[in-house]
Amino acid sequence: MPDRCTAAGCDNIPVQSADWEKAVTLFTFPSDKVLLQKWVTNITLKRPASELTSRSKLCSKHFDDDSFENKDTYILKQRLNLK
């Protein structure tokens, strides 16, 4: 079973597309506690943040477009990179 997004109401899995806006990249939650807190306060999770594991992921659809460093040079089979 593929990894899925842990945001409430979202079951996105990774999707490759020639168009970066249609691509879906899954990101592991950060280990930095300050950054993690920013992530979990800006989204609603399927379960409590205290239950996040190293396999928990958040998909690229939950980030603003300007969060990605490579959206202007994105090509197929490349993953989106967060700034």
N, C-alpha and C. Protein backbone atom coordinates (compact mmCIF):
# COMPACT_ATOMS: atom_id res chain seq x y z
N MET A 1 0.85 -1.18 0.00
CA MET A 1 0.00 0.00 0.00
C MET A 1 0.89 1.25 0.00
N PRO A 2 0.66 2.17 -0.93
CA PRO A 2 1.52 3.35 -1.00
C PRO A 2 1.27 4.31 0.16
N ASP A 3 2.27 5.13 0.43
CA ASP A 3 2.10 6.17 1.43
C ASP A 3 1.02 7.13 0.97
N ARG A 4 0.30 7.70 1.91
CA ARG A 4 -0.75 8.66 1.62
C ARG A 4 -0.57 9.89 2.50
N CYS A 5 -1.18 10.96 2.09
CA CYS A 5 -1.16 12.21 2.86
C CYS A 5 -1.93 12.01 4.17
N THR A 6 -1.45 12.58 5.25
CA THR A 6 -2.10 12.43 6.56
C THR A 6 -3.01 13.60 6.91
N ALA A 7 -3.20 14.54 5.99
CA ALA A 7 -4.11 15.65 6.24
C ALA A 7 -5.55 15.14 6.20
N ALA A 8 -6.39 15.68 7.06
CA ALA A 8 -7.79 15.27 7.10
C ALA A 8 -8.45 15.54 5.75
N GLY A 9 -9.20 14.57 5.27
CA GLY A 9 -9.92 14.73 4.02
C GLY A 9 -9.06 14.59 2.77
N CYS A 10 -7.82 14.18 2.92
CA CYS A 10 -6.91 14.05 1.78
C CYS A 10 -6.33 12.64 1.76
N ASP A 11 -6.42 11.98 0.63
CA ASP A 11 -5.85 10.64 0.47
C ASP A 11 -4.86 10.61 -0.68
N ASN A 12 -4.25 11.77 -0.97
CA ASN A 12 -3.31 11.85 -2.09
C ASN A 12 -2.15 10.88 -1.91
N ILE A 13 -1.75 10.30 -3.04
CA ILE A 13 -0.55 9.49 -3.12
C ILE A 13 0.38 10.19 -4.11
N PRO A 14 1.65 9.80 -4.19
CA PRO A 14 2.55 10.47 -5.14
C PRO A 14 2.05 10.33 -6.58
N VAL A 15 2.09 11.43 -7.33
CA VAL A 15 1.67 11.45 -8.72
C VAL A 15 2.73 12.19 -9.53
N GLN A 16 3.22 11.56 -10.59
CA GLN A 16 4.15 12.23 -11.49
C GLN A 16 3.35 12.86 -12.62
N SER A 17 3.74 14.06 -12.99
CA SER A 17 3.07 14.77 -14.07
C SER A 17 4.06 15.72 -14.71
N ALA A 18 3.89 15.97 -16.00
CA ALA A 18 4.74 16.94 -16.69
C ALA A 18 4.43 18.35 -16.21
N ASP A 19 3.29 18.55 -15.61
CA ASP A 19 2.86 19.85 -15.10
C ASP A 19 3.04 19.86 -13.59
N TRP A 20 3.87 20.73 -13.06
CA TRP A 20 4.16 20.73 -11.62
C TRP A 20 2.90 20.94 -10.79
N GLU A 21 1.92 21.66 -11.32
CA GLU A 21 0.69 21.92 -10.55
C GLU A 21 -0.16 20.65 -10.40
N LYS A 22 0.04 19.67 -11.26
CA LYS A 22 -0.71 18.41 -11.17
C LYS A 22 0.08 17.33 -10.44
N ALA A 23 1.36 17.53 -10.28
CA ALA A 23 2.20 16.55 -9.58
C ALA A 23 1.88 16.58 -8.09
N VAL A 24 2.05 15.44 -7.45
CA VAL A 24 1.88 15.35 -6.00
C VAL A 24 3.14 14.72 -5.43
N THR A 25 3.77 15.44 -4.52
CA THR A 25 4.95 14.94 -3.82
C THR A 25 4.59 14.81 -2.35
N LEU A 26 5.02 13.73 -1.71
CA LEU A 26 4.79 13.56 -0.28
C LEU A 26 6.05 13.94 0.49
N PHE A 27 5.85 14.68 1.56
CA PHE A 27 6.96 15.14 2.40
C PHE A 27 6.84 14.54 3.79
N THR A 28 7.97 14.07 4.32
CA THR A 28 8.02 13.59 5.69
C THR A 28 7.96 14.79 6.62
N PHE A 29 7.27 14.65 7.73
CA PHE A 29 7.19 15.75 8.68
C PHE A 29 8.57 16.06 9.23
N PRO A 30 8.87 17.35 9.42
CA PRO A 30 10.22 17.73 9.87
C PRO A 30 10.50 17.29 11.31
N SER A 31 11.76 17.01 11.58
CA SER A 31 12.15 16.66 12.95
C SER A 31 12.38 17.92 13.79
N ASP A 32 12.64 19.05 13.13
CA ASP A 32 12.80 20.32 13.84
C ASP A 32 11.45 20.70 14.47
N LYS A 33 11.42 20.83 15.79
CA LYS A 33 10.17 21.04 16.51
C LYS A 33 9.47 22.36 16.16
N VAL A 34 10.24 23.40 15.87
CA VAL A 34 9.64 24.69 15.50
C VAL A 34 8.95 24.58 14.14
N LEU A 35 9.63 23.98 13.17
CA LEU A 35 9.05 23.80 11.85
C LEU A 35 7.87 22.83 11.89
N LEU A 36 7.99 21.77 12.67
CA LEU A 36 6.90 20.82 12.82
C LEU A 36 5.66 21.52 13.37
N GLN A 37 5.84 22.38 14.34
CA GLN A 37 4.71 23.10 14.93
C GLN A 37 4.02 23.99 13.89
N LYS A 38 4.80 24.61 12.99
CA LYS A 38 4.21 25.42 11.92
C LYS A 38 3.35 24.55 11.01
N TRP A 39 3.85 23.38 10.67
CA TRP A 39 3.11 22.48 9.79
C TRP A 39 1.80 22.06 10.43
N VAL A 40 1.84 21.59 11.68
CA VAL A 40 0.63 21.02 12.29
C VAL A 40 -0.38 22.08 12.71
N THR A 41 0.03 23.33 12.88
CA THR A 41 -0.94 24.37 13.22
C THR A 41 -1.62 24.92 11.98
N ASN A 42 -1.09 24.64 10.80
CA ASN A 42 -1.67 25.17 9.56
C ASN A 42 -2.51 24.15 8.80
N ILE A 43 -2.63 22.94 9.30
CA ILE A 43 -3.44 21.91 8.65
C ILE A 43 -4.23 21.14 9.71
N THR A 44 -5.23 20.43 9.27
CA THR A 44 -5.96 19.52 10.15
C THR A 44 -5.53 18.11 9.79
N LEU A 45 -5.07 17.38 10.77
CA LEU A 45 -4.59 16.01 10.56
C LEU A 45 -5.69 15.00 10.78
N LYS A 46 -5.51 13.80 10.23
CA LYS A 46 -6.48 12.71 10.43
C LYS A 46 -6.46 12.21 11.87
N ARG A 47 -5.33 12.35 12.53
CA ARG A 47 -5.20 11.94 13.93
C ARG A 47 -4.32 12.96 14.66
N PRO A 48 -4.22 12.90 15.97
CA PRO A 48 -3.43 13.90 16.70
C PRO A 48 -1.96 13.93 16.28
N ALA A 49 -1.38 15.12 16.34
CA ALA A 49 0.03 15.30 15.97
C ALA A 49 0.94 14.42 16.82
N SER A 50 0.53 14.13 18.03
CA SER A 50 1.35 13.27 18.91
C SER A 50 1.46 11.85 18.37
N GLU A 51 0.61 11.47 17.41
CA GLU A 51 0.64 10.14 16.82
C GLU A 51 1.38 10.08 15.49
N LEU A 52 2.01 11.18 15.08
CA LEU A 52 2.79 11.17 13.83
C LEU A 52 3.97 10.23 13.98
N THR A 53 4.29 9.52 12.91
CA THR A 53 5.43 8.62 12.93
C THR A 53 6.41 9.04 11.83
N SER A 54 7.50 8.32 11.71
CA SER A 54 8.48 8.61 10.66
C SER A 54 7.91 8.31 9.27
N ARG A 55 6.82 7.57 9.21
CA ARG A 55 6.16 7.27 7.93
C ARG A 55 5.05 8.25 7.59
N SER A 56 4.70 9.14 8.50
CA SER A 56 3.64 10.12 8.25
C SER A 56 4.11 11.12 7.19
N LYS A 57 3.22 11.44 6.26
CA LYS A 57 3.56 12.33 5.14
C LYS A 57 2.51 13.41 4.97
N LEU A 58 2.93 14.51 4.37
CA LEU A 58 2.03 15.59 4.00
C LEU A 58 2.27 15.88 2.53
N CYS A 59 1.21 15.97 1.75
CA CYS A 59 1.40 16.14 0.30
C CYS A 59 1.59 17.61 -0.08
N SER A 60 2.12 17.78 -1.27
CA SER A 60 2.47 19.11 -1.79
C SER A 60 1.25 20.01 -1.98
N LYS A 61 0.05 19.46 -2.00
CA LYS A 61 -1.15 20.27 -2.20
C LYS A 61 -1.48 21.13 -0.98
N HIS A 62 -0.81 20.88 0.14
CA HIS A 62 -1.08 21.64 1.37
C HIS A 62 -0.07 22.76 1.61
N PHE A 63 0.72 23.08 0.58
CA PHE A 63 1.71 24.15 0.67
C PHE A 63 1.37 25.22 -0.36
N ASP A 64 1.73 26.46 -0.05
CA ASP A 64 1.57 27.55 -1.02
C ASP A 64 2.53 27.33 -2.19
N ASP A 65 2.16 27.83 -3.37
CA ASP A 65 3.01 27.69 -4.55
C ASP A 65 4.43 28.21 -4.33
N ASP A 66 4.57 29.28 -3.55
CA ASP A 66 5.90 29.87 -3.34
C ASP A 66 6.73 29.09 -2.33
N SER A 67 6.22 27.99 -1.83
CA SER A 67 6.97 27.13 -0.91
C SER A 67 7.99 26.25 -1.62
N PHE A 68 7.88 26.15 -2.95
CA PHE A 68 8.74 25.24 -3.70
C PHE A 68 9.85 25.98 -4.42
N GLU A 69 11.06 25.44 -4.32
CA GLU A 69 12.21 26.11 -4.92
C GLU A 69 12.37 25.77 -6.39
N ASN A 70 11.75 24.72 -6.88
CA ASN A 70 11.99 24.29 -8.26
C ASN A 70 10.75 24.27 -9.13
N LYS A 71 9.70 24.97 -8.76
CA LYS A 71 8.48 24.91 -9.57
C LYS A 71 8.68 25.52 -10.95
N ASP A 72 9.58 26.48 -11.09
CA ASP A 72 9.81 27.11 -12.39
C ASP A 72 10.66 26.27 -13.33
N THR A 73 11.39 25.30 -12.78
CA THR A 73 12.25 24.45 -13.60
C THR A 73 11.83 22.98 -13.51
N TYR A 74 10.65 22.74 -12.99
CA TYR A 74 10.14 21.38 -12.78
C TYR A 74 10.03 20.61 -14.10
N ILE A 75 10.48 19.36 -14.09
CA ILE A 75 10.31 18.47 -15.24
C ILE A 75 9.76 17.14 -14.74
N LEU A 76 9.18 16.37 -15.65
CA LEU A 76 8.60 15.08 -15.30
C LEU A 76 9.63 14.19 -14.59
N LYS A 77 9.16 13.43 -13.64
CA LYS A 77 9.97 12.50 -12.82
C LYS A 77 10.87 13.22 -11.84
N GLN A 78 10.64 14.47 -11.62
CA GLN A 78 11.38 15.22 -10.62
C GLN A 78 10.42 15.45 -9.46
N ARG A 79 10.89 15.47 -8.24
CA ARG A 79 10.00 15.76 -7.14
C ARG A 79 10.08 17.25 -6.82
N LEU A 80 9.00 17.79 -6.32
CA LEU A 80 9.00 19.18 -5.89
C LEU A 80 9.85 19.28 -4.63
N ASN A 81 10.62 20.34 -4.51
CA ASN A 81 11.48 20.56 -3.35
C ASN A 81 10.98 21.75 -2.57
N LEU A 82 10.83 21.59 -1.25
CA LEU A 82 10.47 22.71 -0.41
C LEU A 82 11.66 23.62 -0.21
N LYS A 83 11.40 24.90 -0.05
CA LYS A 83 12.47 25.87 0.21
C LYS A 83 13.02 25.67 1.59
